[in-house]
């Protein structure tokens, strides 16, 4: 029951909160929010949020979800969690939790991310691909929700351009 309540608060905004998500989030983002609610993640509220959902499947199906939110102090916090379960060709077994990790971006990283998010061409970047990652490869969906804009990007491999720089900061790649 608490997971459903958490999902409802995320989708509608907490009571008395000025944070309200866009009217429609991508289905992959909603799937990631449901996974996070089921796993009991305590979400941080922000008017600027970046969702990244990554999935790979072969012997094991891996679902990872990262949500980055900007704090009042200007620093970004990234909360990651995941789940591994039997894949389509793997032996059956119970799902395994990939423990929650919280990472706060440095002041320099946070300022760089803010500059990227204020760059209007970021929100016009085309999505490089549909879901066809190949066996065992990762498929990613990133949804950026800020007062400056809203964009959903889907890709396999590594994302390039302005959005790629955002993804690298959120996903911890340098």
N, C-alpha and C. Protein backbone atom coordinates (compact mmCIF):
# COMPACT_ATOMS: atom_id res chain seq x y z
N UNK A 1 0.82 -1.19 0.00
CA UNK A 1 0.00 0.00 0.00
C UNK A 1 0.86 1.25 0.00
N UNK A 2 1.98 1.23 0.76
CA UNK A 2 2.81 2.42 0.81
C UNK A 2 3.40 2.74 -0.55
N UNK A 3 3.70 1.71 -1.36
CA UNK A 3 4.23 1.94 -2.70
C UNK A 3 3.25 2.70 -3.57
N UNK A 4 1.98 2.35 -3.49
CA UNK A 4 0.95 3.04 -4.27
C UNK A 4 0.82 4.48 -3.82
N UNK A 5 0.89 4.72 -2.52
CA UNK A 5 0.81 6.08 -2.00
C UNK A 5 2.00 6.89 -2.48
N UNK A 6 3.20 6.29 -2.42
CA UNK A 6 4.40 6.98 -2.90
C UNK A 6 4.26 7.34 -4.36
N UNK A 7 3.79 6.40 -5.19
CA UNK A 7 3.61 6.65 -6.61
C UNK A 7 2.61 7.79 -6.83
N UNK A 8 1.51 7.78 -6.08
CA UNK A 8 0.51 8.84 -6.23
C UNK A 8 1.09 10.20 -5.87
N UNK A 9 1.91 10.26 -4.81
CA UNK A 9 2.52 11.53 -4.43
C UNK A 9 3.50 12.00 -5.49
N UNK A 10 4.26 11.07 -6.06
CA UNK A 10 5.21 11.45 -7.11
C UNK A 10 4.49 11.99 -8.33
N UNK A 11 3.37 11.38 -8.69
CA UNK A 11 2.66 11.78 -9.89
C UNK A 11 1.84 13.04 -9.69
N UNK A 12 1.38 13.29 -8.47
CA UNK A 12 0.55 14.47 -8.21
C UNK A 12 1.28 15.56 -7.47
N UNK A 13 2.39 15.24 -6.83
CA UNK A 13 3.09 16.19 -5.97
C UNK A 13 2.62 16.01 -4.55
N UNK A 14 3.50 16.20 -3.60
CA UNK A 14 3.15 16.03 -2.20
C UNK A 14 2.18 17.13 -1.78
N UNK A 15 1.30 16.82 -0.80
CA UNK A 15 0.37 17.86 -0.34
C UNK A 15 1.13 19.09 0.14
N UNK A 16 0.69 20.26 -0.27
CA UNK A 16 1.34 21.50 0.13
C UNK A 16 2.63 21.78 -0.62
N UNK A 17 2.99 20.92 -1.54
CA UNK A 17 4.24 21.08 -2.28
C UNK A 17 3.99 21.89 -3.55
N UNK A 18 4.99 22.68 -3.93
CA UNK A 18 4.89 23.42 -5.18
C UNK A 18 5.47 22.60 -6.33
N UNK A 19 5.96 21.38 -6.03
CA UNK A 19 6.55 20.53 -7.04
C UNK A 19 5.45 19.74 -7.73
N UNK A 20 5.33 19.90 -9.02
CA UNK A 20 4.32 19.15 -9.77
C UNK A 20 4.97 18.62 -11.04
N UNK A 21 4.95 17.30 -11.26
CA UNK A 21 5.53 16.77 -12.47
C UNK A 21 4.70 17.15 -13.69
N UNK A 22 5.27 16.99 -14.88
CA UNK A 22 4.50 17.31 -16.08
C UNK A 22 3.27 16.41 -16.15
N UNK A 23 2.29 16.80 -16.95
CA UNK A 23 1.05 16.02 -16.99
C UNK A 23 1.26 14.59 -17.46
N UNK A 24 2.26 14.34 -18.32
CA UNK A 24 2.48 12.98 -18.80
C UNK A 24 3.96 12.65 -18.75
N UNK A 25 4.29 11.60 -18.02
CA UNK A 25 5.65 11.08 -18.03
C UNK A 25 5.67 9.88 -18.97
N UNK A 26 6.84 9.58 -19.52
CA UNK A 26 7.00 8.44 -20.42
C UNK A 26 6.68 7.15 -19.68
N UNK A 27 6.18 6.17 -20.40
CA UNK A 27 5.83 4.88 -19.79
C UNK A 27 7.04 4.26 -19.09
N UNK A 28 8.23 4.38 -19.66
CA UNK A 28 9.43 3.82 -19.02
C UNK A 28 9.73 4.52 -17.70
N UNK A 29 9.47 5.83 -17.64
CA UNK A 29 9.68 6.57 -16.39
C UNK A 29 8.67 6.12 -15.35
N UNK A 30 7.43 5.94 -15.77
CA UNK A 30 6.41 5.45 -14.84
C UNK A 30 6.76 4.05 -14.33
N UNK A 31 7.31 3.21 -15.21
CA UNK A 31 7.75 1.86 -14.82
C UNK A 31 8.86 1.98 -13.77
N UNK A 32 9.79 2.88 -13.98
CA UNK A 32 10.89 3.08 -13.03
C UNK A 32 10.35 3.60 -11.69
N UNK A 33 9.39 4.51 -11.72
CA UNK A 33 8.80 5.03 -10.48
C UNK A 33 8.10 3.91 -9.72
N UNK A 34 7.40 3.04 -10.45
CA UNK A 34 6.74 1.90 -9.79
C UNK A 34 7.77 0.97 -9.16
N UNK A 35 8.88 0.70 -9.86
CA UNK A 35 9.94 -0.15 -9.31
C UNK A 35 10.50 0.49 -8.04
N UNK A 36 10.76 1.78 -8.07
CA UNK A 36 11.31 2.49 -6.92
C UNK A 36 10.34 2.44 -5.74
N UNK A 37 9.05 2.61 -6.01
CA UNK A 37 8.04 2.56 -4.95
C UNK A 37 8.00 1.16 -4.33
N UNK A 38 8.03 0.14 -5.19
CA UNK A 38 8.01 -1.25 -4.71
C UNK A 38 9.23 -1.57 -3.85
N UNK A 39 10.38 -0.97 -4.19
CA UNK A 39 11.61 -1.21 -3.45
C UNK A 39 11.78 -0.27 -2.26
N UNK A 40 10.82 0.63 -2.05
CA UNK A 40 10.81 1.48 -0.86
C UNK A 40 11.78 2.65 -0.90
N UNK A 41 12.05 3.19 -2.07
CA UNK A 41 12.96 4.33 -2.17
C UNK A 41 12.28 5.59 -1.66
N UNK A 42 12.97 6.32 -0.80
CA UNK A 42 12.48 7.60 -0.30
C UNK A 42 12.91 8.66 -1.31
N UNK A 43 11.96 9.20 -2.02
CA UNK A 43 12.25 10.16 -3.09
C UNK A 43 12.44 11.57 -2.55
N UNK A 44 13.24 12.34 -3.26
CA UNK A 44 13.45 13.74 -2.94
C UNK A 44 12.62 14.57 -3.92
N UNK A 45 11.99 15.62 -3.44
CA UNK A 45 11.14 16.46 -4.28
C UNK A 45 11.95 17.63 -4.84
N UNK A 46 11.70 17.97 -6.09
CA UNK A 46 12.40 19.06 -6.73
C UNK A 46 11.63 19.50 -7.96
N UNK A 47 11.76 20.78 -8.31
CA UNK A 47 11.17 21.26 -9.56
C UNK A 47 12.03 20.86 -10.75
N UNK A 48 13.23 20.35 -10.48
CA UNK A 48 14.12 19.88 -11.53
C UNK A 48 14.48 18.43 -11.24
N UNK A 49 14.06 17.53 -12.11
CA UNK A 49 14.27 16.11 -11.89
C UNK A 49 14.70 15.45 -13.19
N UNK A 50 15.64 14.53 -13.07
CA UNK A 50 16.09 13.75 -14.22
C UNK A 50 15.93 12.27 -13.86
N UNK A 51 15.18 11.56 -14.69
CA UNK A 51 14.94 10.14 -14.50
C UNK A 51 15.75 9.36 -15.54
N UNK A 52 16.44 8.31 -15.12
CA UNK A 52 17.11 7.43 -16.07
C UNK A 52 16.75 6.00 -15.70
N UNK A 53 16.21 5.26 -16.68
CA UNK A 53 15.85 3.86 -16.49
C UNK A 53 16.68 3.05 -17.48
N UNK A 54 17.41 2.05 -16.99
CA UNK A 54 18.26 1.22 -17.83
C UNK A 54 17.85 -0.24 -17.65
N UNK A 55 17.81 -0.97 -18.77
CA UNK A 55 17.42 -2.37 -18.70
C UNK A 55 18.26 -3.20 -19.67
N UNK A 56 18.62 -4.38 -19.22
CA UNK A 56 19.36 -5.34 -20.03
C UNK A 56 18.77 -6.72 -19.75
N UNK A 57 18.76 -7.59 -20.77
CA UNK A 57 18.18 -8.91 -20.55
C UNK A 57 18.87 -9.96 -21.40
N UNK A 58 19.24 -11.05 -20.75
CA UNK A 58 19.74 -12.26 -21.40
C UNK A 58 19.59 -13.37 -20.38
N UNK A 59 20.67 -13.84 -19.76
CA UNK A 59 20.54 -14.83 -18.70
C UNK A 59 19.92 -14.20 -17.46
N UNK A 60 20.23 -12.94 -17.27
CA UNK A 60 19.69 -12.16 -16.15
C UNK A 60 19.06 -10.91 -16.74
N UNK A 61 17.91 -10.52 -16.19
CA UNK A 61 17.31 -9.24 -16.56
C UNK A 61 17.67 -8.26 -15.46
N UNK A 62 18.28 -7.15 -15.86
CA UNK A 62 18.68 -6.12 -14.91
C UNK A 62 17.88 -4.86 -15.18
N UNK A 63 17.28 -4.32 -14.14
CA UNK A 63 16.56 -3.04 -14.18
C UNK A 63 17.24 -2.11 -13.21
N UNK A 64 17.73 -0.97 -13.71
CA UNK A 64 18.33 0.05 -12.85
C UNK A 64 17.60 1.35 -13.07
N UNK A 65 17.36 2.05 -12.00
CA UNK A 65 16.69 3.33 -12.08
C UNK A 65 17.47 4.35 -11.26
N UNK A 66 17.68 5.51 -11.87
CA UNK A 66 18.36 6.62 -11.20
C UNK A 66 17.44 7.84 -11.30
N UNK A 67 17.34 8.56 -10.19
CA UNK A 67 16.59 9.82 -10.20
C UNK A 67 17.50 10.87 -9.59
N UNK A 68 17.70 11.94 -10.35
CA UNK A 68 18.52 13.06 -9.88
C UNK A 68 17.61 14.24 -9.61
N UNK A 69 17.79 14.86 -8.44
CA UNK A 69 17.01 16.03 -8.07
C UNK A 69 17.95 17.12 -7.60
N UNK A 70 17.54 18.36 -7.86
CA UNK A 70 18.36 19.51 -7.47
C UNK A 70 17.86 20.01 -6.12
N UNK A 71 18.77 20.10 -5.16
CA UNK A 71 18.44 20.58 -3.83
C UNK A 71 18.42 22.09 -3.77
N UNK A 72 17.89 22.62 -2.68
CA UNK A 72 17.81 24.08 -2.48
C UNK A 72 19.19 24.72 -2.46
N UNK A 73 20.22 23.93 -2.11
CA UNK A 73 21.59 24.44 -2.07
C UNK A 73 22.27 24.41 -3.43
N UNK A 74 21.55 23.96 -4.48
CA UNK A 74 22.10 23.90 -5.83
C UNK A 74 22.83 22.61 -6.15
N UNK A 75 23.00 21.73 -5.18
CA UNK A 75 23.68 20.46 -5.41
C UNK A 75 22.66 19.41 -5.86
N UNK A 76 23.08 18.56 -6.75
CA UNK A 76 22.23 17.50 -7.28
C UNK A 76 22.50 16.20 -6.53
N UNK A 77 21.42 15.50 -6.17
CA UNK A 77 21.51 14.19 -5.53
C UNK A 77 20.97 13.15 -6.50
N UNK A 78 21.72 12.07 -6.67
CA UNK A 78 21.32 10.97 -7.54
C UNK A 78 21.05 9.76 -6.65
N UNK A 79 19.83 9.23 -6.74
CA UNK A 79 19.45 8.05 -5.98
C UNK A 79 19.25 6.91 -6.97
N UNK A 80 20.07 5.85 -6.81
CA UNK A 80 20.04 4.70 -7.72
C UNK A 80 19.60 3.46 -6.97
N UNK A 81 18.89 2.60 -7.68
CA UNK A 81 18.51 1.30 -7.12
C UNK A 81 18.19 0.38 -8.29
N UNK A 82 18.25 -0.90 -8.06
CA UNK A 82 17.96 -1.82 -9.15
C UNK A 82 17.50 -3.18 -8.67
N UNK A 83 17.21 -3.99 -9.66
CA UNK A 83 16.75 -5.35 -9.38
C UNK A 83 17.26 -6.26 -10.48
N UNK A 84 17.71 -7.44 -10.10
CA UNK A 84 18.12 -8.47 -11.05
C UNK A 84 17.20 -9.66 -10.86
N UNK A 85 16.78 -10.25 -11.98
CA UNK A 85 15.92 -11.43 -11.93
C UNK A 85 16.25 -12.32 -13.12
N UNK A 86 15.71 -13.49 -13.13
CA UNK A 86 15.99 -14.43 -14.22
C UNK A 86 15.62 -13.81 -15.55
N UNK A 87 16.49 -13.99 -16.53
CA UNK A 87 16.24 -13.50 -17.88
C UNK A 87 15.51 -14.54 -18.70
N UNK A 88 15.25 -14.22 -19.96
CA UNK A 88 14.48 -15.13 -20.81
C UNK A 88 15.17 -16.47 -21.05
N UNK A 89 16.50 -16.52 -20.98
CA UNK A 89 17.19 -17.80 -21.21
C UNK A 89 17.91 -18.28 -19.96
N UNK A 90 17.75 -17.59 -18.85
CA UNK A 90 18.44 -17.95 -17.63
C UNK A 90 17.62 -18.86 -16.74
N UNK A 91 18.28 -19.47 -15.75
CA UNK A 91 17.55 -20.32 -14.81
C UNK A 91 16.63 -19.50 -13.92
N UNK A 92 15.49 -20.04 -13.54
CA UNK A 92 14.56 -19.29 -12.68
C UNK A 92 15.17 -19.05 -11.30
N UNK A 93 14.72 -18.01 -10.68
CA UNK A 93 15.17 -17.69 -9.33
C UNK A 93 14.49 -16.43 -8.85
N UNK A 94 14.58 -16.19 -7.56
CA UNK A 94 13.93 -14.99 -7.01
C UNK A 94 14.68 -13.72 -7.42
N UNK A 95 13.97 -12.60 -7.52
CA UNK A 95 14.63 -11.32 -7.82
C UNK A 95 15.64 -10.97 -6.73
N UNK A 96 16.71 -10.31 -7.13
CA UNK A 96 17.74 -9.86 -6.19
C UNK A 96 17.82 -8.34 -6.24
N UNK A 97 17.81 -7.73 -5.08
CA UNK A 97 17.89 -6.27 -4.98
C UNK A 97 19.32 -5.81 -5.23
N UNK A 98 19.46 -4.78 -6.04
CA UNK A 98 20.74 -4.07 -6.16
C UNK A 98 20.58 -2.87 -5.23
N UNK A 99 21.32 -2.83 -4.12
CA UNK A 99 21.06 -1.86 -3.05
C UNK A 99 21.04 -0.41 -3.52
N UNK A 100 20.26 0.36 -2.79
CA UNK A 100 20.14 1.80 -3.05
C UNK A 100 21.47 2.49 -2.79
N UNK A 101 21.80 3.41 -3.68
CA UNK A 101 22.98 4.26 -3.50
C UNK A 101 22.56 5.71 -3.67
N UNK A 102 23.07 6.56 -2.82
CA UNK A 102 22.82 8.00 -2.93
C UNK A 102 24.16 8.68 -3.14
N UNK A 103 24.20 9.52 -4.16
CA UNK A 103 25.44 10.21 -4.51
C UNK A 103 25.10 11.68 -4.70
N UNK A 104 25.88 12.55 -4.09
CA UNK A 104 25.69 13.99 -4.25
C UNK A 104 26.79 14.48 -5.19
N UNK A 105 26.37 15.12 -6.28
CA UNK A 105 27.34 15.65 -7.22
C UNK A 105 28.13 16.78 -6.55
N UNK A 106 29.38 16.92 -6.94
CA UNK A 106 30.21 18.01 -6.41
C UNK A 106 29.61 19.34 -6.84
N UNK A 107 30.09 20.41 -6.23
CA UNK A 107 29.61 21.75 -6.60
C UNK A 107 29.92 22.01 -8.08
N UNK A 108 31.11 21.64 -8.55
CA UNK A 108 31.46 21.84 -9.96
C UNK A 108 30.57 21.03 -10.89
N UNK A 109 30.33 19.75 -10.54
CA UNK A 109 29.46 18.91 -11.36
C UNK A 109 28.04 19.46 -11.38
N UNK A 110 27.56 19.93 -10.24
CA UNK A 110 26.21 20.48 -10.15
C UNK A 110 26.08 21.75 -11.00
N UNK A 111 27.09 22.60 -10.96
CA UNK A 111 27.06 23.82 -11.78
C UNK A 111 27.10 23.48 -13.26
N UNK A 112 27.90 22.47 -13.62
CA UNK A 112 27.98 22.03 -15.03
C UNK A 112 26.62 21.49 -15.47
N UNK A 113 25.99 20.68 -14.64
CA UNK A 113 24.67 20.14 -14.96
C UNK A 113 23.65 21.27 -15.11
N UNK A 114 23.68 22.25 -14.23
CA UNK A 114 22.77 23.40 -14.33
C UNK A 114 22.96 24.14 -15.66
N UNK A 115 24.22 24.34 -16.06
CA UNK A 115 24.48 25.02 -17.35
C UNK A 115 23.90 24.21 -18.51
N UNK A 116 24.09 22.89 -18.48
CA UNK A 116 23.54 22.04 -19.53
C UNK A 116 22.02 22.14 -19.59
N UNK A 117 21.38 22.13 -18.42
CA UNK A 117 19.92 22.15 -18.36
C UNK A 117 19.34 23.50 -18.76
N UNK A 118 20.14 24.55 -18.73
CA UNK A 118 19.69 25.88 -19.17
C UNK A 118 19.98 26.13 -20.65
N UNK A 119 20.57 25.17 -21.34
CA UNK A 119 20.93 25.30 -22.74
C UNK A 119 19.74 24.87 -23.59
N UNK A 120 19.03 25.80 -24.25
CA UNK A 120 17.81 25.44 -25.00
C UNK A 120 17.98 24.32 -26.03
N UNK A 121 19.12 24.22 -26.75
CA UNK A 121 19.24 23.12 -27.73
C UNK A 121 19.15 21.72 -27.10
N UNK A 122 19.44 21.60 -25.81
CA UNK A 122 19.32 20.30 -25.14
C UNK A 122 17.92 19.73 -25.33
N UNK A 123 16.92 20.58 -25.20
CA UNK A 123 15.52 20.13 -25.24
C UNK A 123 15.02 19.89 -26.67
N UNK A 124 15.88 20.19 -27.65
CA UNK A 124 15.54 19.91 -29.06
C UNK A 124 16.35 18.75 -29.64
N UNK A 125 17.22 18.17 -28.81
CA UNK A 125 18.04 17.06 -29.30
C UNK A 125 17.15 15.89 -29.64
N UNK A 126 17.43 15.25 -30.77
CA UNK A 126 16.59 14.11 -31.18
C UNK A 126 17.00 12.86 -30.41
N UNK A 127 16.02 12.00 -30.21
CA UNK A 127 16.25 10.73 -29.54
C UNK A 127 16.92 9.78 -30.53
N UNK A 128 18.08 9.23 -30.18
CA UNK A 128 18.84 8.46 -31.16
C UNK A 128 18.29 7.10 -31.53
N UNK A 129 17.45 6.50 -30.69
CA UNK A 129 17.05 5.16 -31.09
C UNK A 129 15.90 4.57 -30.34
N UNK A 130 15.30 3.63 -31.00
CA UNK A 130 14.25 2.83 -30.39
C UNK A 130 14.86 1.59 -29.77
N UNK A 131 14.05 0.86 -29.06
CA UNK A 131 14.53 -0.31 -28.33
C UNK A 131 14.93 -1.43 -29.28
N UNK A 132 16.23 -1.65 -29.40
CA UNK A 132 16.79 -2.78 -30.15
C UNK A 132 18.23 -2.95 -29.70
N UNK A 133 18.43 -3.18 -28.39
CA UNK A 133 19.79 -3.17 -27.88
C UNK A 133 20.62 -4.41 -28.21
N UNK A 134 20.01 -5.49 -28.65
CA UNK A 134 20.76 -6.72 -28.83
C UNK A 134 20.82 -7.48 -27.51
N UNK A 135 21.22 -8.71 -27.59
CA UNK A 135 21.22 -9.60 -26.43
C UNK A 135 22.20 -9.08 -25.37
N UNK A 136 21.70 -8.86 -24.17
CA UNK A 136 22.52 -8.47 -23.04
C UNK A 136 22.96 -7.02 -23.01
N UNK A 137 22.67 -6.25 -24.04
CA UNK A 137 23.07 -4.83 -24.08
C UNK A 137 22.03 -3.99 -23.35
N UNK A 138 22.46 -2.84 -22.88
CA UNK A 138 21.56 -1.95 -22.15
C UNK A 138 20.78 -1.04 -23.09
N UNK A 139 19.54 -0.83 -22.71
CA UNK A 139 18.64 0.14 -23.34
C UNK A 139 18.33 1.16 -22.26
N UNK A 140 18.48 2.44 -22.57
CA UNK A 140 18.30 3.50 -21.58
C UNK A 140 17.19 4.46 -22.02
N UNK A 141 16.50 4.99 -21.03
CA UNK A 141 15.52 6.06 -21.25
C UNK A 141 15.81 7.14 -20.21
N UNK A 142 16.01 8.37 -20.69
CA UNK A 142 16.23 9.49 -19.77
C UNK A 142 15.13 10.52 -20.03
N UNK A 143 14.51 10.94 -18.95
CA UNK A 143 13.49 11.98 -19.03
C UNK A 143 13.94 13.14 -18.15
N UNK A 144 14.06 14.30 -18.77
CA UNK A 144 14.48 15.51 -18.07
C UNK A 144 13.26 16.40 -17.90
N UNK A 145 12.99 16.79 -16.66
CA UNK A 145 11.84 17.62 -16.34
C UNK A 145 12.35 18.82 -15.55
N UNK A 146 12.36 20.00 -16.19
CA UNK A 146 12.82 21.22 -15.54
C UNK A 146 11.91 22.37 -15.97
N UNK A 147 11.99 23.51 -15.28
CA UNK A 147 11.24 24.67 -15.74
C UNK A 147 11.69 25.13 -17.14
N UNK A 148 12.91 24.79 -17.55
CA UNK A 148 13.42 25.18 -18.86
C UNK A 148 12.88 24.30 -19.99
N UNK A 149 12.46 23.08 -19.66
CA UNK A 149 11.96 22.19 -20.70
C UNK A 149 11.74 20.78 -20.21
N UNK A 150 11.26 19.95 -21.14
CA UNK A 150 10.93 18.55 -20.86
C UNK A 150 11.29 17.76 -22.10
N UNK A 151 12.09 16.69 -21.92
CA UNK A 151 12.48 15.87 -23.05
C UNK A 151 12.64 14.42 -22.59
N UNK A 152 12.33 13.50 -23.50
CA UNK A 152 12.54 12.07 -23.28
C UNK A 152 13.47 11.57 -24.37
N UNK A 153 14.53 10.88 -23.96
CA UNK A 153 15.50 10.33 -24.91
C UNK A 153 15.65 8.84 -24.67
N UNK A 154 15.69 8.07 -25.75
CA UNK A 154 15.86 6.62 -25.70
C UNK A 154 17.08 6.26 -26.52
N UNK A 155 17.94 5.38 -25.96
CA UNK A 155 19.14 5.01 -26.71
C UNK A 155 19.72 3.69 -26.21
N UNK A 156 20.57 3.12 -27.06
CA UNK A 156 21.38 1.95 -26.75
C UNK A 156 22.83 2.44 -26.70
N UNK A 157 23.68 1.78 -25.95
CA UNK A 157 25.09 2.16 -25.92
C UNK A 157 25.29 3.45 -25.15
N UNK A 158 25.98 4.40 -25.76
CA UNK A 158 26.28 5.66 -25.08
C UNK A 158 25.65 6.82 -25.83
N UNK A 159 25.02 7.71 -25.10
CA UNK A 159 24.36 8.89 -25.66
C UNK A 159 25.40 9.98 -25.89
N UNK A 160 25.28 10.69 -26.99
CA UNK A 160 26.21 11.77 -27.34
C UNK A 160 25.52 13.12 -27.24
N UNK A 161 26.28 14.18 -27.44
CA UNK A 161 25.72 15.53 -27.46
C UNK A 161 25.47 16.06 -26.06
N UNK A 162 24.65 17.14 -26.01
CA UNK A 162 24.35 17.78 -24.73
C UNK A 162 23.67 16.81 -23.77
N UNK A 163 22.71 16.05 -24.30
CA UNK A 163 22.00 15.08 -23.46
C UNK A 163 22.95 13.99 -22.98
N UNK A 164 23.93 13.63 -23.80
CA UNK A 164 24.93 12.64 -23.40
C UNK A 164 25.75 13.13 -22.21
N UNK A 165 26.07 14.42 -22.20
CA UNK A 165 26.81 15.00 -21.07
C UNK A 165 25.96 14.93 -19.80
N UNK A 166 24.65 15.18 -19.93
CA UNK A 166 23.74 15.06 -18.78
C UNK A 166 23.72 13.61 -18.30
N UNK A 167 23.53 12.67 -19.23
CA UNK A 167 23.48 11.25 -18.88
C UNK A 167 24.76 10.80 -18.19
N UNK A 168 25.91 11.25 -18.69
CA UNK A 168 27.18 10.86 -18.08
C UNK A 168 27.27 11.34 -16.63
N UNK A 169 26.81 12.56 -16.35
CA UNK A 169 26.83 13.06 -14.97
C UNK A 169 25.91 12.24 -14.08
N UNK A 170 24.72 11.92 -14.56
CA UNK A 170 23.74 11.20 -13.75
C UNK A 170 24.14 9.74 -13.57
N UNK A 171 24.67 9.14 -14.62
CA UNK A 171 25.02 7.72 -14.58
C UNK A 171 26.42 7.47 -14.03
N UNK A 172 27.16 8.54 -13.74
CA UNK A 172 28.46 8.39 -13.12
C UNK A 172 29.58 8.02 -14.07
N UNK A 173 29.44 8.38 -15.33
CA UNK A 173 30.51 8.09 -16.29
C UNK A 173 31.25 9.39 -16.57
N UNK A 174 32.54 9.28 -16.69
CA UNK A 174 33.30 10.49 -16.92
C UNK A 174 33.99 10.53 -18.24
